[in-house]
Amino acid sequence: MHSPWLDIPLADYEGHMSLPTIAQAELLAVEFDNLLKEYNPSSVAVIGCAGGNGFDRISPKTTSRVVGVDINSTYIAEASTRYASLIPNLELYVADIQQHGLAFEPVDLIYAALVFEYVELEATFHTLKSICKPHGILATVLQLPSQSVASVSPSPFASLQALGSVMHLVPPATLRAQAAQAGFVPLASRHLALPSQKEFMVQVFGLTTANPAVHTDLARKAAQGR
């Protein structure tokens, strides 16, 4: 099935997400920054990285390996142009996260923001598990339903409206259940809201290991807001 993401120019997507009335680009970058500071991963993968939103928040001194994945090859090409000379060991992949063919060395932290609204959950979690290190962290951001605002906000960038036909909001409980089936245990969650009245849920999971004490420690640190 052809993805409408392949037909949306990066300039349209970034312009839309950066509009003051939408402000989702900054929200996602700030949340990524918070996660980097909280977990200090030596390696990170950003799923649906587009042109590299949030890559400027990465400190190569702390995070020595960065992986970006996106379905749109022009997005990946632009991310390379912007960041290949700034981020050592940057790896970029053109791939559909639902497909089992995506493979690279697992990472400590996976950031998947506004991704699950467009994918089949079971297949996606199969892939996410394969690219997450033992004891690794999966951080997700879901858009929550609203009766007062459209799922895809109206804007001058009309190409984004094509997403309305394929976007399916995922209840946080559904995501937790699917994560559990894949071996991810919940560590933390938080609610985010924008002036536009759009709301989001951040959920952080740890990949189950043979040592339950590891995740007990991770959960304790997350609860303390480390």
N, C-alpha and C. Protein backbone atom coordinates (compact mmCIF):
# COMPACT_ATOMS: atom_id res chain seq x y z
N MET A 1 0.84 -1.21 0.00
CA MET A 1 0.00 0.00 0.00
C MET A 1 0.87 1.25 0.00
N HIS A 2 0.56 2.17 -0.90
CA HIS A 2 1.35 3.39 -1.03
C HIS A 2 1.11 4.30 0.17
N SER A 3 2.19 4.75 0.79
CA SER A 3 2.06 5.63 1.95
C SER A 3 1.97 7.09 1.51
N PRO A 4 1.00 7.85 2.04
CA PRO A 4 0.92 9.27 1.71
C PRO A 4 2.13 10.06 2.19
N TRP A 5 2.88 9.49 3.14
CA TRP A 5 4.11 10.16 3.59
C TRP A 5 5.11 10.32 2.45
N LEU A 6 5.03 9.48 1.45
CA LEU A 6 5.97 9.56 0.33
C LEU A 6 5.67 10.75 -0.58
N ASP A 7 4.48 11.33 -0.45
CA ASP A 7 4.05 12.42 -1.33
C ASP A 7 4.07 13.78 -0.66
N ILE A 8 4.45 13.84 0.61
CA ILE A 8 4.45 15.11 1.35
C ILE A 8 5.86 15.70 1.33
N PRO A 9 6.05 16.86 0.71
CA PRO A 9 7.37 17.49 0.71
C PRO A 9 7.83 17.79 2.14
N LEU A 10 9.13 17.63 2.38
CA LEU A 10 9.65 17.90 3.71
C LEU A 10 9.38 19.34 4.14
N ALA A 11 9.47 20.28 3.20
CA ALA A 11 9.20 21.68 3.53
C ALA A 11 7.78 21.87 4.03
N ASP A 12 6.84 21.13 3.44
CA ASP A 12 5.44 21.20 3.90
C ASP A 12 5.31 20.64 5.30
N TYR A 13 5.91 19.46 5.52
CA TYR A 13 5.80 18.83 6.83
C TYR A 13 6.42 19.70 7.93
N GLU A 14 7.63 20.18 7.67
CA GLU A 14 8.31 20.99 8.69
C GLU A 14 7.62 22.34 8.86
N GLY A 15 7.13 22.91 7.77
CA GLY A 15 6.40 24.16 7.88
C GLY A 15 5.13 24.01 8.70
N HIS A 16 4.41 22.93 8.45
CA HIS A 16 3.18 22.64 9.19
C HIS A 16 3.47 22.45 10.67
N MET A 17 4.43 21.59 10.98
CA MET A 17 4.71 21.24 12.38
C MET A 17 5.29 22.42 13.17
N SER A 18 5.89 23.39 12.47
CA SER A 18 6.53 24.52 13.13
C SER A 18 5.63 25.74 13.27
N LEU A 19 4.45 25.71 12.66
CA LEU A 19 3.54 26.85 12.79
C LEU A 19 3.25 27.14 14.26
N PRO A 20 3.22 28.41 14.66
CA PRO A 20 2.92 28.73 16.07
C PRO A 20 1.59 28.16 16.54
N THR A 21 0.64 28.04 15.62
CA THR A 21 -0.68 27.51 16.00
C THR A 21 -0.67 25.98 16.16
N ILE A 22 0.40 25.34 15.72
CA ILE A 22 0.51 23.88 15.82
C ILE A 22 1.62 23.50 16.81
N ALA A 23 2.83 24.01 16.58
CA ALA A 23 3.93 23.93 17.56
C ALA A 23 4.32 22.51 17.97
N GLN A 24 4.07 21.55 17.11
CA GLN A 24 4.41 20.18 17.47
C GLN A 24 5.88 19.85 17.27
N ALA A 25 6.56 20.53 16.34
CA ALA A 25 7.97 20.28 16.13
C ALA A 25 8.77 20.59 17.39
N GLU A 26 8.49 21.72 18.01
CA GLU A 26 9.19 22.10 19.23
C GLU A 26 8.84 21.16 20.37
N LEU A 27 7.58 20.79 20.48
CA LEU A 27 7.16 19.88 21.54
C LEU A 27 7.92 18.55 21.45
N LEU A 28 8.02 17.99 20.25
CA LEU A 28 8.69 16.70 20.07
C LEU A 28 10.20 16.82 20.31
N ALA A 29 10.79 17.94 19.90
CA ALA A 29 12.22 18.13 20.11
C ALA A 29 12.53 18.30 21.60
N VAL A 30 11.68 19.04 22.30
CA VAL A 30 11.88 19.24 23.74
C VAL A 30 11.75 17.93 24.49
N GLU A 31 10.75 17.14 24.12
CA GLU A 31 10.57 15.84 24.78
C GLU A 31 11.76 14.93 24.53
N PHE A 32 12.29 14.95 23.31
CA PHE A 32 13.48 14.16 22.98
C PHE A 32 14.65 14.62 23.84
N ASP A 33 14.81 15.93 23.97
CA ASP A 33 15.88 16.50 24.79
C ASP A 33 15.74 16.02 26.24
N ASN A 34 14.52 16.04 26.75
CA ASN A 34 14.29 15.58 28.13
C ASN A 34 14.70 14.12 28.31
N LEU A 35 14.37 13.30 27.33
CA LEU A 35 14.70 11.87 27.41
C LEU A 35 16.21 11.65 27.34
N LEU A 36 16.87 12.40 26.48
CA LEU A 36 18.33 12.28 26.39
C LEU A 36 18.99 12.63 27.72
N LYS A 37 18.49 13.67 28.36
CA LYS A 37 19.06 14.07 29.65
C LYS A 37 18.71 13.09 30.76
N GLU A 38 17.53 12.50 30.66
CA GLU A 38 17.07 11.58 31.70
C GLU A 38 17.81 10.25 31.67
N TYR A 39 18.04 9.73 30.45
CA TYR A 39 18.60 8.38 30.33
C TYR A 39 20.04 8.34 29.86
N ASN A 40 20.58 9.45 29.36
CA ASN A 40 21.99 9.51 28.93
C ASN A 40 22.40 8.31 28.08
N PRO A 41 21.69 8.04 26.99
CA PRO A 41 22.01 6.85 26.20
C PRO A 41 23.30 7.04 25.40
N SER A 42 24.06 5.97 25.26
CA SER A 42 25.25 6.05 24.40
C SER A 42 24.88 5.86 22.94
N SER A 43 23.68 5.29 22.70
CA SER A 43 23.19 5.12 21.34
C SER A 43 21.69 5.36 21.32
N VAL A 44 21.21 5.96 20.22
CA VAL A 44 19.79 6.30 20.12
C VAL A 44 19.32 6.11 18.69
N ALA A 45 18.07 5.69 18.53
CA ALA A 45 17.43 5.61 17.22
C ALA A 45 16.16 6.44 17.24
N VAL A 46 16.00 7.29 16.23
CA VAL A 46 14.80 8.11 16.09
C VAL A 46 14.00 7.55 14.93
N ILE A 47 12.80 7.07 15.24
CA ILE A 47 11.93 6.47 14.23
C ILE A 47 11.01 7.55 13.68
N GLY A 48 10.97 7.66 12.35
CA GLY A 48 10.24 8.76 11.72
C GLY A 48 10.99 10.06 11.93
N CYS A 49 12.27 10.05 11.61
CA CYS A 49 13.15 11.19 11.94
C CYS A 49 12.96 12.38 11.02
N ALA A 50 12.28 12.21 9.88
CA ALA A 50 12.08 13.31 8.90
C ALA A 50 13.43 13.95 8.58
N GLY A 51 13.51 15.28 8.70
CA GLY A 51 14.77 15.96 8.37
C GLY A 51 15.72 16.08 9.53
N GLY A 52 15.39 15.40 10.64
CA GLY A 52 16.29 15.42 11.80
C GLY A 52 15.83 16.33 12.92
N ASN A 53 14.53 16.53 13.05
CA ASN A 53 14.04 17.35 14.16
C ASN A 53 14.52 16.78 15.49
N GLY A 54 15.16 17.61 16.30
CA GLY A 54 15.68 17.18 17.58
C GLY A 54 17.12 16.71 17.55
N PHE A 55 17.67 16.47 16.37
CA PHE A 55 19.06 16.01 16.28
C PHE A 55 20.02 17.04 16.87
N ASP A 56 19.63 18.32 16.83
CA ASP A 56 20.49 19.36 17.39
C ASP A 56 20.55 19.30 18.91
N ARG A 57 19.70 18.50 19.53
CA ARG A 57 19.70 18.36 20.99
C ARG A 57 20.66 17.26 21.44
N ILE A 58 21.22 16.51 20.52
CA ILE A 58 22.08 15.37 20.86
C ILE A 58 23.51 15.85 21.13
N SER A 59 24.08 15.41 22.23
CA SER A 59 25.48 15.68 22.54
C SER A 59 26.33 14.48 22.14
N PRO A 60 27.16 14.59 21.10
CA PRO A 60 27.99 13.45 20.68
C PRO A 60 28.91 12.95 21.79
N LYS A 61 29.22 13.80 22.77
CA LYS A 61 30.08 13.37 23.88
C LYS A 61 29.38 12.32 24.73
N THR A 62 28.06 12.41 24.82
CA THR A 62 27.28 11.45 25.61
C THR A 62 26.71 10.34 24.73
N THR A 63 26.12 10.75 23.61
CA THR A 63 25.48 9.80 22.69
C THR A 63 26.37 9.67 21.46
N SER A 64 27.15 8.61 21.44
CA SER A 64 28.19 8.47 20.41
C SER A 64 27.69 7.83 19.13
N ARG A 65 26.47 7.31 19.15
CA ARG A 65 25.91 6.66 17.95
C ARG A 65 24.45 7.08 17.80
N VAL A 66 24.11 7.58 16.60
CA VAL A 66 22.77 8.08 16.32
C VAL A 66 22.25 7.41 15.07
N VAL A 67 21.03 6.89 15.14
CA VAL A 67 20.39 6.23 14.00
C VAL A 67 19.08 6.96 13.70
N GLY A 68 18.86 7.28 12.44
CA GLY A 68 17.60 7.86 12.01
C GLY A 68 16.93 6.96 10.99
N VAL A 69 15.62 6.78 11.13
CA VAL A 69 14.85 5.93 10.22
C VAL A 69 13.65 6.71 9.72
N ASP A 70 13.40 6.67 8.42
CA ASP A 70 12.19 7.28 7.88
C ASP A 70 11.81 6.56 6.59
N ILE A 71 10.52 6.57 6.29
CA ILE A 71 10.03 5.91 5.08
C ILE A 71 10.30 6.72 3.82
N ASN A 72 10.52 8.03 3.98
CA ASN A 72 10.68 8.93 2.84
C ASN A 72 12.17 9.18 2.57
N SER A 73 12.63 8.79 1.40
CA SER A 73 14.06 8.90 1.07
C SER A 73 14.52 10.35 0.98
N THR A 74 13.65 11.26 0.57
CA THR A 74 14.07 12.67 0.49
C THR A 74 14.24 13.26 1.88
N TYR A 75 13.44 12.79 2.84
CA TYR A 75 13.64 13.25 4.22
C TYR A 75 15.01 12.79 4.73
N ILE A 76 15.34 11.54 4.47
CA ILE A 76 16.62 11.00 4.92
C ILE A 76 17.79 11.71 4.25
N ALA A 77 17.64 12.02 2.97
CA ALA A 77 18.70 12.73 2.26
C ALA A 77 18.95 14.10 2.89
N GLU A 78 17.88 14.78 3.26
CA GLU A 78 18.03 16.10 3.88
C GLU A 78 18.62 15.99 5.28
N ALA A 79 18.22 14.97 6.03
CA ALA A 79 18.81 14.76 7.34
C ALA A 79 20.32 14.54 7.24
N SER A 80 20.73 13.81 6.20
CA SER A 80 22.15 13.57 5.97
C SER A 80 22.87 14.88 5.64
N THR A 81 22.27 15.68 4.77
CA THR A 81 22.86 16.97 4.41
C THR A 81 23.05 17.86 5.63
N ARG A 82 22.07 17.87 6.50
CA ARG A 82 22.10 18.75 7.67
C ARG A 82 23.04 18.27 8.77
N TYR A 83 23.12 16.95 8.98
CA TYR A 83 23.75 16.47 10.21
C TYR A 83 24.92 15.51 10.04
N ALA A 84 25.19 15.02 8.84
CA ALA A 84 26.27 14.04 8.68
C ALA A 84 27.61 14.58 9.13
N SER A 85 27.84 15.88 8.92
CA SER A 85 29.12 16.47 9.32
C SER A 85 29.13 16.91 10.79
N LEU A 86 27.97 16.90 11.43
CA LEU A 86 27.87 17.38 12.81
C LEU A 86 27.77 16.25 13.82
N ILE A 87 27.25 15.10 13.39
CA ILE A 87 27.05 13.97 14.30
C ILE A 87 27.92 12.81 13.84
N PRO A 88 28.99 12.52 14.56
CA PRO A 88 29.82 11.36 14.19
C PRO A 88 29.01 10.07 14.29
N ASN A 89 29.33 9.13 13.43
CA ASN A 89 28.68 7.82 13.45
C ASN A 89 27.17 7.89 13.24
N LEU A 90 26.73 8.86 12.45
CA LEU A 90 25.31 8.96 12.11
C LEU A 90 24.95 7.88 11.09
N GLU A 91 23.91 7.11 11.40
CA GLU A 91 23.39 6.08 10.49
C GLU A 91 21.97 6.47 10.10
N LEU A 92 21.69 6.45 8.80
CA LEU A 92 20.37 6.82 8.31
C LEU A 92 19.83 5.71 7.41
N TYR A 93 18.57 5.36 7.63
CA TYR A 93 17.95 4.25 6.89
C TYR A 93 16.60 4.69 6.33
N VAL A 94 16.40 4.37 5.05
CA VAL A 94 15.09 4.53 4.43
C VAL A 94 14.37 3.20 4.61
N ALA A 95 13.31 3.20 5.41
CA ALA A 95 12.64 1.93 5.71
C ALA A 95 11.25 2.19 6.26
N ASP A 96 10.40 1.20 6.08
CA ASP A 96 9.09 1.15 6.70
C ASP A 96 9.23 0.34 7.98
N ILE A 97 9.01 0.98 9.12
CA ILE A 97 9.25 0.34 10.41
C ILE A 97 8.38 -0.90 10.61
N GLN A 98 7.33 -1.05 9.81
CA GLN A 98 6.47 -2.22 9.91
C GLN A 98 7.07 -3.46 9.25
N GLN A 99 8.07 -3.23 8.41
CA GLN A 99 8.66 -4.34 7.67
C GLN A 99 9.78 -4.98 8.46
N HIS A 100 9.85 -6.31 8.42
CA HIS A 100 10.85 -7.02 9.22
C HIS A 100 12.26 -6.92 8.64
N GLY A 101 12.41 -6.33 7.47
CA GLY A 101 13.72 -6.26 6.84
C GLY A 101 14.65 -5.22 7.45
N LEU A 102 14.11 -4.29 8.24
CA LEU A 102 14.95 -3.26 8.86
C LEU A 102 15.81 -3.90 9.94
N ALA A 103 17.13 -3.74 9.83
CA ALA A 103 18.03 -4.33 10.81
C ALA A 103 19.27 -3.48 10.96
N PHE A 104 19.61 -3.18 12.20
CA PHE A 104 20.88 -2.54 12.51
C PHE A 104 21.23 -2.88 13.96
N GLU A 105 22.45 -2.60 14.35
CA GLU A 105 22.87 -2.91 15.71
C GLU A 105 21.95 -2.23 16.72
N PRO A 106 21.42 -2.96 17.68
CA PRO A 106 20.47 -2.38 18.64
C PRO A 106 21.03 -1.18 19.39
N VAL A 107 20.13 -0.36 19.88
CA VAL A 107 20.49 0.89 20.56
C VAL A 107 19.94 0.90 21.98
N ASP A 108 20.43 1.87 22.77
CA ASP A 108 20.01 2.01 24.16
C ASP A 108 18.64 2.67 24.29
N LEU A 109 18.34 3.63 23.41
CA LEU A 109 17.10 4.38 23.49
C LEU A 109 16.49 4.50 22.11
N ILE A 110 15.21 4.16 21.99
CA ILE A 110 14.44 4.36 20.77
C ILE A 110 13.40 5.44 21.04
N TYR A 111 13.34 6.44 20.15
CA TYR A 111 12.34 7.49 20.27
C TYR A 111 11.39 7.37 19.09
N ALA A 112 10.14 7.07 19.38
CA ALA A 112 9.12 6.90 18.34
C ALA A 112 7.95 7.83 18.66
N ALA A 113 7.98 9.01 18.08
CA ALA A 113 6.98 10.04 18.37
C ALA A 113 6.05 10.23 17.18
N LEU A 114 4.74 10.12 17.43
CA LEU A 114 3.72 10.27 16.39
C LEU A 114 3.98 9.31 15.23
N VAL A 115 4.30 8.10 15.57
CA VAL A 115 4.57 7.04 14.60
C VAL A 115 3.45 6.00 14.60
N PHE A 116 2.99 5.63 15.78
CA PHE A 116 2.05 4.52 15.89
C PHE A 116 0.69 4.81 15.28
N GLU A 117 0.41 6.08 15.05
CA GLU A 117 -0.85 6.46 14.41
C GLU A 117 -0.93 6.01 12.95
N TYR A 118 0.21 5.59 12.38
CA TYR A 118 0.26 5.27 10.94
C TYR A 118 0.73 3.86 10.65
N VAL A 119 0.86 3.01 11.65
CA VAL A 119 1.45 1.69 11.43
C VAL A 119 0.61 0.60 12.09
N GLU A 120 0.90 -0.64 11.67
CA GLU A 120 0.29 -1.81 12.30
C GLU A 120 1.12 -2.13 13.53
N LEU A 121 0.48 -2.22 14.69
CA LEU A 121 1.21 -2.25 15.95
C LEU A 121 2.06 -3.51 16.13
N GLU A 122 1.49 -4.67 15.88
CA GLU A 122 2.23 -5.91 16.15
C GLU A 122 3.51 -5.99 15.32
N ALA A 123 3.41 -5.69 14.03
CA ALA A 123 4.59 -5.75 13.17
C ALA A 123 5.62 -4.71 13.58
N THR A 124 5.15 -3.53 13.97
CA THR A 124 6.07 -2.46 14.37
C THR A 124 6.82 -2.83 15.64
N PHE A 125 6.12 -3.40 16.62
CA PHE A 125 6.79 -3.79 17.85
C PHE A 125 7.77 -4.93 17.62
N HIS A 126 7.48 -5.79 16.66
CA HIS A 126 8.44 -6.84 16.31
C HIS A 126 9.76 -6.21 15.88
N THR A 127 9.67 -5.17 15.06
CA THR A 127 10.89 -4.50 14.61
C THR A 127 11.56 -3.75 15.74
N LEU A 128 10.78 -3.03 16.54
CA LEU A 128 11.35 -2.24 17.63
C LEU A 128 12.11 -3.12 18.62
N LYS A 129 11.56 -4.28 18.91
CA LYS A 129 12.25 -5.19 19.83
C LYS A 129 13.59 -5.62 19.26
N SER A 130 13.65 -5.83 17.95
CA SER A 130 14.89 -6.32 17.33
C SER A 130 15.99 -5.26 17.30
N ILE A 131 15.63 -3.99 17.43
CA ILE A 131 16.64 -2.93 17.37
C ILE A 131 16.87 -2.27 18.73
N CYS A 132 16.31 -2.87 19.78
CA CYS A 132 16.47 -2.34 21.14
C CYS A 132 17.40 -3.26 21.93
N LYS A 133 18.38 -2.68 22.59
CA LYS A 133 19.30 -3.47 23.40
C LYS A 133 18.58 -4.10 24.60
N PRO A 134 19.09 -5.20 25.12
CA PRO A 134 18.60 -5.69 26.40
C PRO A 134 18.71 -4.58 27.45
N HIS A 135 17.70 -4.42 28.25
CA HIS A 135 17.60 -3.33 29.23
C HIS A 135 17.37 -1.98 28.56
N GLY A 136 17.19 -1.94 27.23
CA GLY A 136 17.03 -0.67 26.53
C GLY A 136 15.69 -0.01 26.78
N ILE A 137 15.58 1.24 26.32
CA ILE A 137 14.41 2.07 26.56
C ILE A 137 13.70 2.37 25.24
N LEU A 138 12.37 2.26 25.26
CA LEU A 138 11.53 2.70 24.15
C LEU A 138 10.66 3.84 24.66
N ALA A 139 10.80 5.02 24.07
CA ALA A 139 9.99 6.18 24.44
C ALA A 139 9.05 6.51 23.29
N THR A 140 7.77 6.63 23.60
CA THR A 140 6.75 6.85 22.58
C THR A 140 5.96 8.11 22.88
N VAL A 141 5.44 8.72 21.82
CA VAL A 141 4.52 9.85 21.97
C VAL A 141 3.29 9.56 21.12
N LEU A 142 2.13 9.55 21.75
CA LEU A 142 0.86 9.35 21.06
C LEU A 142 0.04 10.63 21.07
N GLN A 143 -0.64 10.90 19.97
CA GLN A 143 -1.64 11.98 19.97
C GLN A 143 -2.93 11.43 20.54
N LEU A 144 -3.55 12.20 21.44
CA LEU A 144 -4.79 11.78 22.07
C LEU A 144 -5.99 12.34 21.30
N PRO A 145 -7.10 11.64 21.33
CA PRO A 145 -8.29 12.13 20.62
C PRO A 145 -8.84 13.40 21.25
N SER A 146 -9.50 14.20 20.42
CA SER A 146 -10.11 15.45 20.89
C SER A 146 -11.42 15.67 20.15
N GLN A 147 -12.40 16.17 20.87
CA GLN A 147 -13.68 16.49 20.24
C GLN A 147 -13.71 17.92 19.71
N SER A 148 -12.68 18.70 20.05
CA SER A 148 -12.69 20.11 19.68
C SER A 148 -11.71 20.47 18.57
N VAL A 149 -10.72 19.61 18.29
CA VAL A 149 -9.75 19.90 17.24
C VAL A 149 -9.61 18.70 16.32
N ALA A 150 -9.29 18.97 15.06
CA ALA A 150 -9.13 17.90 14.07
C ALA A 150 -7.87 17.10 14.34
N SER A 151 -7.90 15.84 13.98
CA SER A 151 -6.71 15.00 14.17
C SER A 151 -5.52 15.55 13.41
N VAL A 152 -5.75 15.97 12.16
CA VAL A 152 -4.72 16.65 11.38
C VAL A 152 -5.12 18.12 11.33
N SER A 153 -4.34 18.96 11.97
CA SER A 153 -4.70 20.38 12.07
C SER A 153 -4.71 21.03 10.70
N PRO A 154 -5.70 21.86 10.42
CA PRO A 154 -5.70 22.60 9.15
C PRO A 154 -4.55 23.61 9.12
N SER A 155 -3.96 23.79 7.95
CA SER A 155 -2.85 24.74 7.79
C SER A 155 -2.72 25.07 6.32
N PRO A 156 -1.88 26.06 5.98
CA PRO A 156 -1.66 26.38 4.57
C PRO A 156 -1.00 25.25 3.79
N PHE A 157 -0.46 24.26 4.49
CA PHE A 157 0.25 23.16 3.84
C PHE A 157 -0.74 22.03 3.56
N ALA A 158 -1.43 22.15 2.44
CA ALA A 158 -2.56 21.26 2.14
C ALA A 158 -2.15 19.81 1.97
N SER A 159 -0.90 19.54 1.62
CA SER A 159 -0.49 18.16 1.39
C SER A 159 -0.64 17.31 2.65
N LEU A 160 -0.59 17.94 3.82
CA LEU A 160 -0.71 17.19 5.08
C LEU A 160 -2.10 16.60 5.27
N GLN A 161 -3.08 17.16 4.61
CA GLN A 161 -4.44 16.67 4.81
C GLN A 161 -4.63 15.25 4.29
N ALA A 162 -3.73 14.79 3.42
CA ALA A 162 -3.81 13.41 2.93
C ALA A 162 -3.61 12.40 4.05
N LEU A 163 -3.01 12.84 5.16
CA LEU A 163 -2.77 11.93 6.27
C LEU A 163 -4.06 11.56 7.00
N GLY A 164 -5.08 12.38 6.86
CA GLY A 164 -6.32 12.14 7.58
C GLY A 164 -6.93 10.79 7.26
N SER A 165 -6.73 10.31 6.04
CA SER A 165 -7.36 9.04 5.63
C SER A 165 -6.64 7.81 6.18
N VAL A 166 -5.40 7.99 6.65
CA VAL A 166 -4.62 6.83 7.14
C VAL A 166 -4.27 6.94 8.61
N MET A 167 -4.57 8.07 9.22
CA MET A 167 -4.22 8.28 10.62
C MET A 167 -5.25 7.63 11.54
N HIS A 168 -4.76 6.82 12.46
CA HIS A 168 -5.63 6.15 13.43
C HIS A 168 -5.04 6.37 14.82
N LEU A 169 -5.73 7.14 15.65
CA LEU A 169 -5.23 7.42 16.98
C LEU A 169 -5.27 6.14 17.82
N VAL A 170 -4.20 5.90 18.55
CA VAL A 170 -4.04 4.68 19.34
C VAL A 170 -4.23 5.00 20.82
N PRO A 171 -5.18 4.38 21.49
CA PRO A 171 -5.33 4.60 22.93
C PRO A 171 -4.06 4.17 23.67
N PRO A 172 -3.62 4.93 24.66
CA PRO A 172 -2.43 4.54 25.42
C PRO A 172 -2.51 3.13 25.99
N ALA A 173 -3.69 2.71 26.44
CA ALA A 173 -3.83 1.36 26.98
C ALA A 173 -3.58 0.30 25.92
N THR A 174 -4.00 0.57 24.70
CA THR A 174 -3.76 -0.37 23.59
C THR A 174 -2.27 -0.49 23.32
N LEU A 175 -1.58 0.66 23.34
CA LEU A 175 -0.13 0.63 23.11
C LEU A 175 0.57 -0.14 24.23
N ARG A 176 0.15 0.08 25.47
CA ARG A 176 0.76 -0.64 26.58
C ARG A 176 0.58 -2.15 26.43
N ALA A 177 -0.61 -2.55 26.03
CA ALA A 177 -0.89 -3.98 25.87
C ALA A 177 -0.02 -4.59 24.78
N GLN A 178 0.12 -3.88 23.66
CA GLN A 178 0.93 -4.39 22.57
C GLN A 178 2.40 -4.40 22.95
N ALA A 179 2.83 -3.38 23.68
CA ALA A 179 4.21 -3.34 24.16
C ALA A 179 4.50 -4.53 25.07
N ALA A 180 3.56 -4.84 25.95
CA ALA A 180 3.74 -5.97 26.87
C ALA A 180 3.89 -7.28 26.11
N GLN A 181 3.12 -7.46 25.05
CA GLN A 181 3.23 -8.68 24.25
C GLN A 181 4.60 -8.81 23.62
N ALA A 182 5.23 -7.66 23.33
CA ALA A 182 6.55 -7.68 22.71
C ALA A 182 7.68 -7.75 23.74
N GLY A 183 7.32 -7.67 25.02
CA GLY A 183 8.34 -7.78 26.06
C GLY A 183 8.79 -6.47 26.66
N PHE A 184 8.04 -5.39 26.42
CA PHE A 184 8.37 -4.08 26.99
C PHE A 184 7.51 -3.81 28.22
N VAL A 185 8.15 -3.41 29.30
CA VAL A 185 7.42 -3.11 30.53
C VAL A 185 7.34 -1.60 30.73
N PRO A 186 6.22 -1.10 31.24
CA PRO A 186 6.07 0.35 31.42
C PRO A 186 6.95 0.87 32.56
N LEU A 187 7.60 2.00 32.29
CA LEU A 187 8.46 2.63 33.29
C LEU A 187 7.92 3.98 33.74
N ALA A 188 7.33 4.73 32.81
CA ALA A 188 6.86 6.06 33.15
C ALA A 188 5.89 6.53 32.08
N SER A 189 5.07 7.52 32.43
CA SER A 189 4.19 8.15 31.45
C SER A 189 3.92 9.58 31.90
N ARG A 190 3.62 10.43 30.93
CA ARG A 190 3.28 11.82 31.25
C ARG A 190 2.39 12.38 30.14
N HIS A 191 1.60 13.35 30.53
CA HIS A 191 0.64 13.98 29.64
C HIS A 191 1.20 15.31 29.17
N LEU A 192 1.05 15.60 27.88
CA LEU A 192 1.49 16.87 27.30
C LEU A 192 0.30 17.57 26.66
N ALA A 193 0.26 18.88 26.73
CA ALA A 193 -0.83 19.64 26.12
C ALA A 193 -0.26 20.90 25.48
N LEU A 194 -0.88 21.29 24.36
CA LEU A 194 -0.49 22.50 23.64
C LEU A 194 -1.59 23.54 23.74
N PRO A 195 -1.26 24.82 23.53
CA PRO A 195 -2.30 25.86 23.51
C PRO A 195 -3.39 25.60 22.47
N SER A 196 -3.06 24.84 21.43
CA SER A 196 -4.04 24.50 20.39
C SER A 196 -5.11 23.54 20.89
N GLN A 197 -4.96 23.06 22.12
CA GLN A 197 -5.84 22.09 22.75
C GLN A 197 -5.56 20.65 22.32
N LYS A 198 -4.53 20.47 21.50
CA LYS A 198 -4.12 19.09 21.22
C LYS A 198 -3.37 18.54 22.42
N GLU A 199 -3.60 17.25 22.68
CA GLU A 199 -3.00 16.60 23.83
C GLU A 199 -2.26 15.33 23.38
N PHE A 200 -1.23 14.99 24.15
CA PHE A 200 -0.36 13.88 23.81
C PHE A 200 -0.02 13.10 25.07
N MET A 201 0.33 11.84 24.88
CA MET A 201 0.77 10.99 25.99
C MET A 201 2.14 10.42 25.68
N VAL A 202 3.08 10.68 26.57
CA VAL A 202 4.41 10.07 26.49
C VAL A 202 4.39 8.81 27.34
N GLN A 203 4.82 7.71 26.77
CA GLN A 203 4.94 6.45 27.51
C GLN A 203 6.35 5.90 27.30
N VAL A 204 6.99 5.55 28.39
CA VAL A 204 8.36 5.04 28.35
C VAL A 204 8.35 3.59 28.82
N PHE A 205 9.01 2.73 28.06
CA PHE A 205 9.04 1.30 28.34
C PHE A 205 10.49 0.82 28.41
N GLY A 206 10.69 -0.27 29.14
CA GLY A 206 11.99 -0.94 29.15
C GLY A 206 11.83 -2.34 28.60
N LEU A 207 12.81 -2.79 27.84
CA LEU A 207 12.74 -4.12 27.25
C LEU A 207 13.01 -5.16 28.33
N THR A 208 12.10 -6.09 28.49
CA THR A 208 12.21 -7.12 29.52
C THR A 208 13.50 -7.92 29.36
N THR A 209 14.13 -8.21 30.47
CA THR A 209 15.36 -9.01 30.46
C THR A 209 15.23 -10.13 31.48
N ALA A 210 16.25 -10.96 31.52
CA ALA A 210 16.26 -12.06 32.49
C ALA A 210 16.51 -11.56 33.92
N ASN A 211 16.90 -10.29 34.04
CA ASN A 211 17.21 -9.74 35.35
C ASN A 211 16.16 -8.70 35.72
N PRO A 212 15.10 -9.07 36.45
CA PRO A 212 14.05 -8.11 36.75
C PRO A 212 14.52 -6.94 37.59
N ALA A 213 15.63 -7.10 38.32
CA ALA A 213 16.13 -6.00 39.14
C ALA A 213 16.54 -4.80 38.29
N VAL A 214 16.96 -5.07 37.06
CA VAL A 214 17.35 -3.98 36.16
C VAL A 214 16.18 -3.05 35.93
N HIS A 215 15.01 -3.60 35.63
CA HIS A 215 13.87 -2.76 35.35
C HIS A 215 13.24 -2.19 36.61
N THR A 216 13.44 -2.86 37.74
CA THR A 216 13.01 -2.26 39.00
C THR A 216 13.78 -0.98 39.23
N ASP A 217 15.09 -1.02 38.94
CA ASP A 217 15.93 0.16 39.10
C ASP A 217 15.55 1.25 38.11
N LEU A 218 15.29 0.85 36.85
CA LEU A 218 14.91 1.82 35.83
C LEU A 218 13.58 2.50 36.19
N ALA A 219 12.63 1.70 36.65
CA ALA A 219 11.34 2.25 37.02
C ALA A 219 11.48 3.22 38.20
N ARG A 220 12.33 2.86 39.17
CA ARG A 220 12.53 3.74 40.32
C ARG A 220 13.12 5.07 39.88
N LYS A 221 14.11 5.02 39.00
CA LYS A 221 14.75 6.26 38.54
C LYS A 221 13.78 7.10 37.73
N ALA A 222 12.98 6.43 36.88
CA ALA A 222 12.00 7.17 36.09
C ALA A 222 10.96 7.85 36.98
N ALA A 223 10.53 7.12 38.03
CA ALA A 223 9.52 7.69 38.93
C ALA A 223 10.08 8.88 39.69
N GLN A 224 11.37 8.86 39.95
CA GLN A 224 12.01 9.97 40.65
C GLN A 224 12.32 11.13 39.73
N GLY A 225 12.08 10.93 38.40
CA GLY A 225 12.36 12.00 37.44
C GLY A 225 13.83 12.26 37.29
N ARG A 226 14.63 11.20 37.30
CA ARG A 226 16.08 11.32 37.19
C ARG A 226 16.47 12.15 35.98
